[in-house]
Amino acid sequence: MKFTVYFRTTAMPYIGKPLDSPVGLAITLGETEQEIDYDEYVAGLNLNALADSLKMPRGSLTIITPEEYAAEYGED
């Protein structure tokens, strides 16, 4: 199974202008045969470090559930 983390973001790198409204961002981290508890896993993510590595402003990422992502932005 693919393991994907879902975000809502208010900024996207390299667009060159502010976003009019938040957008969804899904990052697949890999595949595993193990069951992974989504809430437990994302609780340990460092959003500032992730934002820095994606060259996004700190505070622009919010973790959301797969269900929220699907409802707001459609399926993967």
N, C-alpha and C. Protein backbone atom coordinates (compact mmCIF):
# COMPACT_ATOMS: atom_id res chain seq x y z
N MET A 1 0.84 -1.17 0.00
CA MET A 1 0.00 0.00 0.00
C MET A 1 0.89 1.24 0.00
N LYS A 2 0.49 2.24 -0.76
CA LYS A 2 1.21 3.50 -0.75
C LYS A 2 0.87 4.26 0.51
N PHE A 3 1.87 4.95 1.06
CA PHE A 3 1.62 5.78 2.23
C PHE A 3 1.75 7.24 1.81
N THR A 4 0.64 7.95 1.87
CA THR A 4 0.57 9.34 1.43
C THR A 4 0.15 10.22 2.59
N VAL A 5 0.79 11.39 2.70
CA VAL A 5 0.42 12.38 3.70
C VAL A 5 -0.26 13.53 2.96
N TYR A 6 -1.33 14.04 3.54
CA TYR A 6 -2.16 15.05 2.88
C TYR A 6 -2.06 16.38 3.63
N PHE A 7 -1.99 17.45 2.86
CA PHE A 7 -1.83 18.79 3.42
C PHE A 7 -2.79 19.77 2.74
N ARG A 8 -3.07 20.83 3.46
CA ARG A 8 -3.68 22.03 2.90
C ARG A 8 -2.58 23.07 2.98
N THR A 9 -2.37 23.81 1.89
CA THR A 9 -1.30 24.81 1.90
C THR A 9 -1.80 26.15 1.38
N THR A 10 -1.21 27.19 1.91
CA THR A 10 -1.55 28.55 1.48
C THR A 10 -0.46 29.13 0.58
N ALA A 11 0.54 28.32 0.26
CA ALA A 11 1.63 28.80 -0.60
C ALA A 11 2.15 27.63 -1.43
N MET A 12 2.57 27.90 -2.62
CA MET A 12 3.18 26.88 -3.47
C MET A 12 4.50 27.44 -4.00
N PRO A 13 5.56 26.65 -3.92
CA PRO A 13 6.85 27.15 -4.41
C PRO A 13 6.82 27.37 -5.91
N TYR A 14 7.55 28.35 -6.33
CA TYR A 14 7.80 28.63 -7.75
C TYR A 14 6.60 29.15 -8.54
N ILE A 15 5.48 29.41 -7.90
CA ILE A 15 4.35 29.98 -8.64
C ILE A 15 4.58 31.47 -8.87
N GLY A 16 5.22 32.11 -7.92
CA GLY A 16 5.57 33.51 -8.08
C GLY A 16 4.50 34.50 -7.69
N LYS A 17 3.37 34.02 -7.17
CA LYS A 17 2.33 34.92 -6.69
C LYS A 17 1.57 34.24 -5.57
N PRO A 18 0.93 35.02 -4.70
CA PRO A 18 0.15 34.42 -3.61
C PRO A 18 -1.04 33.63 -4.16
N LEU A 19 -1.45 32.63 -3.42
CA LEU A 19 -2.61 31.84 -3.80
C LEU A 19 -3.89 32.58 -3.40
N ASP A 20 -4.92 32.46 -4.22
CA ASP A 20 -6.21 33.07 -3.90
C ASP A 20 -6.93 32.32 -2.79
N SER A 21 -6.72 31.01 -2.72
CA SER A 21 -7.31 30.18 -1.68
C SER A 21 -6.40 28.97 -1.45
N PRO A 22 -6.52 28.32 -0.31
CA PRO A 22 -5.66 27.16 -0.04
C PRO A 22 -5.86 26.05 -1.07
N VAL A 23 -4.81 25.29 -1.29
CA VAL A 23 -4.86 24.15 -2.20
C VAL A 23 -4.42 22.90 -1.46
N GLY A 24 -4.74 21.75 -2.04
CA GLY A 24 -4.34 20.47 -1.46
C GLY A 24 -3.00 20.04 -2.01
N LEU A 25 -2.25 19.37 -1.18
CA LEU A 25 -0.95 18.84 -1.55
C LEU A 25 -0.86 17.44 -0.96
N ALA A 26 -0.58 16.45 -1.80
CA ALA A 26 -0.45 15.07 -1.34
C ALA A 26 0.96 14.60 -1.66
N ILE A 27 1.65 14.09 -0.66
CA ILE A 27 3.02 13.61 -0.84
C ILE A 27 3.06 12.13 -0.49
N THR A 28 3.38 11.29 -1.46
CA THR A 28 3.54 9.87 -1.21
C THR A 28 4.95 9.63 -0.72
N LEU A 29 5.05 9.02 0.46
CA LEU A 29 6.35 8.81 1.09
C LEU A 29 6.94 7.45 0.77
N GLY A 30 6.15 6.57 0.22
CA GLY A 30 6.66 5.25 -0.14
C GLY A 30 5.57 4.22 -0.07
N GLU A 31 5.98 2.97 -0.17
CA GLU A 31 5.04 1.86 -0.10
C GLU A 31 5.46 0.90 1.00
N THR A 32 4.48 0.27 1.62
CA THR A 32 4.75 -0.67 2.68
C THR A 32 3.67 -1.74 2.72
N GLU A 33 4.03 -2.86 3.24
CA GLU A 33 3.06 -3.94 3.46
C GLU A 33 2.44 -3.80 4.85
N GLN A 34 3.09 -3.01 5.72
CA GLN A 34 2.62 -2.85 7.09
C GLN A 34 1.45 -1.88 7.15
N GLU A 35 0.62 -2.07 8.16
CA GLU A 35 -0.42 -1.10 8.47
C GLU A 35 0.24 0.05 9.22
N ILE A 36 -0.03 1.27 8.81
CA ILE A 36 0.53 2.44 9.47
C ILE A 36 -0.64 3.29 9.96
N ASP A 37 -0.58 3.68 11.23
CA ASP A 37 -1.60 4.55 11.78
C ASP A 37 -1.30 5.98 11.32
N TYR A 38 -2.16 6.51 10.46
CA TYR A 38 -1.95 7.82 9.86
C TYR A 38 -1.78 8.91 10.92
N ASP A 39 -2.71 8.97 11.87
CA ASP A 39 -2.66 10.02 12.90
C ASP A 39 -1.39 9.94 13.73
N GLU A 40 -0.99 8.72 14.07
CA GLU A 40 0.23 8.54 14.86
C GLU A 40 1.47 8.97 14.06
N TYR A 41 1.50 8.61 12.79
CA TYR A 41 2.65 8.96 11.95
C TYR A 41 2.77 10.47 11.76
N VAL A 42 1.67 11.12 11.37
CA VAL A 42 1.76 12.56 11.07
C VAL A 42 1.99 13.40 12.31
N ALA A 43 1.66 12.85 13.49
CA ALA A 43 1.90 13.60 14.73
C ALA A 43 3.39 13.87 14.93
N GLY A 44 4.24 13.02 14.35
CA GLY A 44 5.68 13.20 14.49
C GLY A 44 6.34 14.01 13.38
N LEU A 45 5.56 14.48 12.41
CA LEU A 45 6.16 15.26 11.32
C LEU A 45 6.53 16.67 11.78
N ASN A 46 7.67 17.13 11.34
CA ASN A 46 8.13 18.49 11.62
C ASN A 46 7.74 19.36 10.42
N LEU A 47 6.62 20.08 10.54
CA LEU A 47 6.13 20.87 9.41
C LEU A 47 7.07 22.00 9.01
N ASN A 48 7.79 22.57 9.96
CA ASN A 48 8.74 23.63 9.61
C ASN A 48 9.88 23.08 8.77
N ALA A 49 10.39 21.91 9.13
CA ALA A 49 11.46 21.29 8.35
C ALA A 49 10.96 20.90 6.96
N LEU A 50 9.74 20.38 6.89
CA LEU A 50 9.17 20.01 5.59
C LEU A 50 8.98 21.25 4.73
N ALA A 51 8.44 22.32 5.30
CA ALA A 51 8.26 23.56 4.55
C ALA A 51 9.61 24.09 4.05
N ASP A 52 10.62 24.05 4.90
CA ASP A 52 11.95 24.50 4.50
C ASP A 52 12.48 23.67 3.33
N SER A 53 12.31 22.35 3.40
CA SER A 53 12.84 21.49 2.33
C SER A 53 12.08 21.67 1.02
N LEU A 54 10.80 22.05 1.11
CA LEU A 54 10.01 22.31 -0.09
C LEU A 54 10.11 23.76 -0.56
N LYS A 55 10.91 24.55 0.18
CA LYS A 55 11.08 25.98 -0.11
C LYS A 55 9.74 26.72 -0.06
N MET A 56 8.99 26.40 0.98
CA MET A 56 7.70 27.03 1.24
C MET A 56 7.80 27.82 2.53
N PRO A 57 6.99 28.85 2.69
CA PRO A 57 7.02 29.59 3.95
C PRO A 57 6.59 28.71 5.13
N ARG A 58 7.28 28.88 6.24
CA ARG A 58 6.87 28.17 7.46
C ARG A 58 5.46 28.62 7.82
N GLY A 59 4.67 27.72 8.30
CA GLY A 59 3.30 28.03 8.68
C GLY A 59 2.31 27.92 7.53
N SER A 60 2.79 27.57 6.34
CA SER A 60 1.89 27.49 5.18
C SER A 60 1.29 26.10 5.00
N LEU A 61 1.75 25.10 5.76
CA LEU A 61 1.26 23.73 5.63
C LEU A 61 0.41 23.34 6.84
N THR A 62 -0.70 22.68 6.57
CA THR A 62 -1.53 22.09 7.61
C THR A 62 -1.79 20.65 7.21
N ILE A 63 -1.57 19.72 8.12
CA ILE A 63 -1.85 18.31 7.84
C ILE A 63 -3.36 18.11 7.91
N ILE A 64 -3.90 17.39 6.93
CA ILE A 64 -5.31 17.04 6.94
C ILE A 64 -5.44 15.53 6.75
N THR A 65 -6.61 15.01 7.02
CA THR A 65 -6.84 13.57 6.87
C THR A 65 -7.08 13.23 5.40
N PRO A 66 -6.89 11.97 5.05
CA PRO A 66 -7.21 11.56 3.68
C PRO A 66 -8.66 11.86 3.30
N GLU A 67 -9.56 11.74 4.26
CA GLU A 67 -10.97 12.01 4.01
C GLU A 67 -11.22 13.49 3.73
N GLU A 68 -10.57 14.36 4.51
CA GLU A 68 -10.69 15.80 4.26
C GLU A 68 -10.15 16.16 2.87
N TYR A 69 -9.01 15.57 2.53
CA TYR A 69 -8.40 15.84 1.23
C TYR A 69 -9.35 15.43 0.11
N ALA A 70 -9.92 14.24 0.20
CA ALA A 70 -10.83 13.74 -0.83
C ALA A 70 -12.07 14.63 -0.94
N ALA A 71 -12.60 15.08 0.20
CA ALA A 71 -13.79 15.92 0.18
C ALA A 71 -13.52 17.30 -0.40
N GLU A 72 -12.35 17.86 -0.10
CA GLU A 72 -12.03 19.23 -0.54
C GLU A 72 -11.40 19.30 -1.92
N TYR A 73 -10.58 18.30 -2.26
CA TYR A 73 -9.78 18.40 -3.48
C TYR A 73 -9.96 17.23 -4.44
N GLY A 74 -10.81 16.28 -4.10
CA GLY A 74 -10.99 15.10 -4.95
C GLY A 74 -10.04 14.00 -4.55
N GLU A 75 -10.15 12.88 -5.24
CA GLU A 75 -9.28 11.75 -4.94
C GLU A 75 -7.85 12.06 -5.36
N ASP A 76 -6.90 11.18 -4.95
CA ASP A 76 -5.49 11.33 -5.33
C ASP A 76 -5.35 11.60 -6.81
